[in-house]
Amino acid sequence: MKRKLFIVLSIISTLIIIGWMISHFFGGMIIHLLMYGLIIIPFALIYIFTLVYTLIKLFRDGIKRNKIIFYTHTTGLFLIILFCFYQSELFKSRKILDATLHDDLSNINLVLRKNGKFETISNGIFGYTEKISGRYKNQNDTIIFLNKPYSNNFIPDTVIIDRIDNAIYFNKNSEGEFIREKDFLNYFEINLNEI
């Protein structure tokens, strides 16, 4: 009976940890931890406990007697490692521009990559994140987004790089010219520029 309960706890805790990792793509892991912490935290502790106990059982009894829990935890650890690799910069094209727009309680990070792709990552209160990817083209100091760079029309499809101000401006005046003043929510501050 204890063995079956241990197997069930191992499988359920592994599935909940994997589900929590998947929540990163739907608003962020931290915001889901705040929302469902009473479920996630106990099962994360159970996962750690069952993982340690599984390692002890493997050294003591071998894999043959512990196939189910071995494969359960191996799959869980493999997916955690895979998720970490996906989040890293290892398999992405090199950044050629990195800029940030700061708000009171949030920020938007704009990344342009050498292969013609961009990412906008919005970070909000309570760990909320939203990532939008697409393609862009660069014409001198003008960046034209071929895909919508933000969830609404806050960031237009055309922005301009001002190398002297070290900023990317995106608001236009009534004549259609870019407003080149560092006002609140008017510009991205450039952190890296290799364009």
Protein backbone atom coordinates (compact mmCIF):
# COMPACT_ATOMS: atom_id res chain seq x y z
CA MET A 1 0.00 0.00 0.00
CA LYS A 2 2.79 2.43 0.90
CA ARG A 3 4.57 1.67 -2.36
CA LYS A 4 1.45 2.41 -4.44
CA LEU A 5 0.84 5.67 -2.55
CA PHE A 6 4.45 6.69 -3.14
CA ILE A 7 4.13 5.96 -6.87
CA VAL A 8 0.86 7.95 -7.10
CA LEU A 9 2.40 10.92 -5.21
CA SER A 10 5.46 10.82 -7.47
CA ILE A 11 3.35 10.87 -10.64
CA ILE A 12 0.92 13.56 -9.44
CA SER A 13 3.65 15.85 -8.07
CA THR A 14 5.67 15.50 -11.29
CA LEU A 15 2.61 16.36 -13.40
CA ILE A 16 1.83 19.42 -11.26
CA ILE A 17 5.43 20.68 -11.50
CA ILE A 18 5.33 20.23 -15.30
CA GLY A 19 1.95 22.01 -15.44
CA TRP A 20 3.36 24.86 -13.38
CA MET A 21 6.31 25.17 -15.79
CA ILE A 22 3.90 25.27 -18.74
CA SER A 23 2.08 28.17 -17.03
CA HIS A 24 5.15 30.27 -17.90
CA PHE A 25 3.71 30.55 -21.42
CA PHE A 26 0.33 31.77 -20.10
CA GLY A 27 1.20 34.80 -17.99
CA GLY A 28 4.15 33.60 -15.94
CA MET A 29 5.04 31.07 -13.28
CA ILE A 30 5.14 33.56 -10.40
CA ILE A 31 1.62 34.87 -10.94
CA HIS A 32 0.33 31.28 -11.05
CA LEU A 33 2.28 30.51 -7.88
CA LEU A 34 0.53 33.44 -6.19
CA MET A 35 -2.84 32.25 -7.47
CA TYR A 36 -2.43 28.53 -6.82
CA GLY A 37 0.31 28.49 -4.18
CA LEU A 38 -1.70 26.32 -1.80
CA ILE A 39 -1.64 23.60 -4.46
CA ILE A 40 1.78 24.17 -6.05
CA ILE A 41 3.93 24.56 -2.91
CA PRO A 42 2.83 21.32 -1.18
CA PHE A 43 3.23 19.34 -4.39
CA ALA A 44 6.62 20.94 -5.08
CA LEU A 45 7.73 19.80 -1.62
CA ILE A 46 6.27 16.34 -2.27
CA TYR A 47 8.12 16.26 -5.60
CA ILE A 48 11.44 17.08 -3.90
CA PHE A 49 10.79 14.51 -1.16
CA THR A 50 9.83 11.76 -3.63
CA LEU A 51 12.83 12.60 -5.82
CA VAL A 52 15.26 12.26 -2.91
CA TYR A 53 13.56 9.08 -1.71
CA THR A 54 13.62 7.69 -5.26
CA LEU A 55 17.38 8.26 -5.45
CA ILE A 56 17.83 6.44 -2.15
CA LYS A 57 15.67 3.52 -3.33
CA LEU A 58 17.57 3.33 -6.64
CA PHE A 59 20.92 3.04 -4.88
CA ARG A 60 19.54 0.51 -2.42
CA ASP A 61 17.27 -1.67 -4.62
CA GLY A 62 18.24 -0.86 -8.22
CA ILE A 63 16.18 0.29 -11.20
CA LYS A 64 14.39 -3.02 -11.81
CA ARG A 65 12.32 -2.79 -8.63
CA ASN A 66 11.65 0.95 -9.05
CA LYS A 67 10.95 1.34 -12.77
CA ILE A 68 7.81 3.50 -12.50
CA ILE A 69 9.21 6.08 -10.09
CA PHE A 70 12.54 6.08 -11.92
CA TYR A 71 10.91 6.87 -15.27
CA THR A 72 8.51 9.37 -13.66
CA HIS A 73 11.30 11.40 -12.10
CA THR A 74 13.61 11.00 -15.08
CA THR A 75 10.89 12.40 -17.34
CA GLY A 76 10.22 15.25 -14.90
CA LEU A 77 13.90 16.17 -14.61
CA PHE A 78 14.37 15.90 -18.38
CA LEU A 79 11.47 18.32 -18.97
CA ILE A 80 12.80 20.75 -16.33
CA ILE A 81 16.23 20.73 -18.00
CA LEU A 82 14.62 21.11 -21.44
CA PHE A 83 12.62 24.10 -20.17
CA CYS A 84 15.81 25.72 -18.81
CA PHE A 85 17.53 25.26 -22.18
CA TYR A 86 14.51 26.74 -23.97
CA GLN A 87 14.65 29.81 -21.71
CA SER A 88 18.39 30.28 -22.19
CA GLU A 89 20.13 32.11 -25.03
CA LEU A 90 22.00 28.98 -26.20
CA PHE A 91 19.83 28.18 -29.21
CA LYS A 92 18.76 31.71 -30.12
CA SER A 93 20.30 34.04 -32.63
CA ARG A 94 22.66 36.69 -31.23
CA LYS A 95 21.10 39.88 -29.84
CA ILE A 96 21.97 42.98 -31.84
CA LEU A 97 19.70 45.37 -29.96
CA ASP A 98 18.27 45.27 -26.45
CA ALA A 99 16.14 48.12 -25.13
CA THR A 100 13.75 48.66 -22.21
CA LEU A 101 10.73 50.89 -21.69
CA HIS A 102 10.15 51.54 -17.98
CA ASP A 103 6.71 52.18 -16.50
CA ASP A 104 5.72 52.62 -12.85
CA LEU A 105 4.82 48.98 -12.19
CA SER A 106 5.98 47.26 -15.36
CA ASN A 107 8.45 47.31 -18.21
CA ILE A 108 8.69 46.19 -21.81
CA ASN A 109 11.92 44.70 -23.09
CA LEU A 110 12.58 44.82 -26.84
CA VAL A 111 15.16 42.44 -28.31
CA LEU A 112 16.22 42.40 -31.97
CA ARG A 113 18.18 39.39 -33.15
CA LYS A 114 20.66 39.00 -35.97
CA ASN A 115 18.41 36.55 -37.85
CA GLY A 116 15.67 39.19 -38.35
CA LYS A 117 13.46 38.17 -35.43
CA PHE A 118 12.31 40.31 -32.52
CA GLU A 119 10.86 39.69 -29.07
CA THR A 120 8.90 42.03 -26.85
CA ILE A 121 8.64 40.81 -23.28
CA SER A 122 6.20 42.64 -21.02
CA ASN A 123 6.80 42.23 -17.29
CA GLY A 124 4.05 43.42 -14.99
CA ILE A 125 3.02 43.44 -11.39
CA PHE A 126 2.91 40.11 -9.46
CA GLY A 127 5.22 38.42 -11.96
CA TYR A 128 2.94 38.71 -14.99
CA THR A 129 4.83 38.20 -18.27
CA GLU A 130 3.79 38.24 -21.89
CA LYS A 131 6.11 37.50 -24.81
CA ILE A 132 5.43 38.39 -28.43
CA SER A 133 7.77 37.31 -31.23
CA GLY A 134 7.92 38.10 -34.89
CA ARG A 135 10.05 39.43 -37.70
CA TYR A 136 11.41 42.90 -38.38
CA LYS A 137 13.46 44.73 -40.96
CA ASN A 138 15.91 47.53 -40.43
CA GLN A 139 16.26 50.54 -42.74
CA ASN A 140 19.05 52.82 -41.51
CA ASP A 141 17.74 54.09 -38.15
CA THR A 142 14.18 52.88 -38.70
CA ILE A 143 12.89 49.54 -37.46
CA ILE A 144 9.78 48.17 -39.15
CA PHE A 145 8.00 45.33 -37.36
CA LEU A 146 6.47 42.89 -39.83
CA ASN A 147 4.38 41.36 -37.03
CA LYS A 148 2.50 43.20 -34.31
CA PRO A 149 5.08 43.96 -31.56
CA TYR A 150 2.61 44.40 -28.69
CA SER A 151 -0.80 43.07 -27.66
CA ASN A 152 -2.46 46.41 -28.48
CA ASN A 153 -1.44 49.46 -30.55
CA PHE A 154 0.76 51.01 -27.84
CA ILE A 155 3.91 50.23 -29.84
CA PRO A 156 3.42 51.00 -33.56
CA ASP A 157 4.85 48.95 -36.40
CA THR A 158 7.56 51.58 -37.08
CA VAL A 159 10.03 53.00 -34.53
CA ILE A 160 13.20 55.04 -34.85
CA ILE A 161 16.62 54.64 -33.23
CA ASP A 162 18.27 57.82 -31.97
CA ARG A 163 21.93 56.98 -31.44
CA ILE A 164 22.75 60.34 -29.84
CA ASP A 165 20.02 60.01 -27.17
CA ASN A 166 20.63 56.24 -26.93
CA ALA A 167 16.88 55.73 -27.27
CA ILE A 168 14.20 54.24 -29.50
CA TYR A 169 11.28 56.62 -30.03
CA PHE A 170 7.87 55.39 -31.11
CA ASN A 171 5.33 58.22 -30.64
CA LYS A 172 4.62 60.66 -33.46
CA ASN A 173 3.31 64.22 -33.46
CA SER A 174 0.42 65.53 -35.56
CA GLU A 175 2.73 66.02 -38.58
CA GLY A 176 3.74 62.34 -38.47
CA GLU A 177 7.29 62.99 -37.22
CA PHE A 178 8.75 61.09 -34.30
CA ILE A 179 8.74 62.96 -31.00
CA ARG A 180 12.39 62.90 -29.95
CA GLU A 181 12.03 63.85 -26.30
CA LYS A 182 12.60 61.53 -23.39
CA ASP A 183 9.16 61.78 -21.86
CA PHE A 184 7.36 59.19 -19.76
CA LEU A 185 6.31 56.20 -21.92
CA ASN A 186 7.72 57.77 -25.07
CA TYR A 187 10.96 55.87 -25.54
CA PHE A 188 12.92 52.66 -25.01
CA GLU A 189 16.28 53.11 -23.31
CA ILE A 190 18.91 51.18 -25.31
CA ASN A 191 21.02 48.74 -23.31
CA LEU A 192 22.83 47.13 -26.27
CA ASN A 193 23.10 48.38 -29.84
CA GLU A 194 25.13 46.58 -32.50
CA ILE A 195 23.05 47.65 -35.50
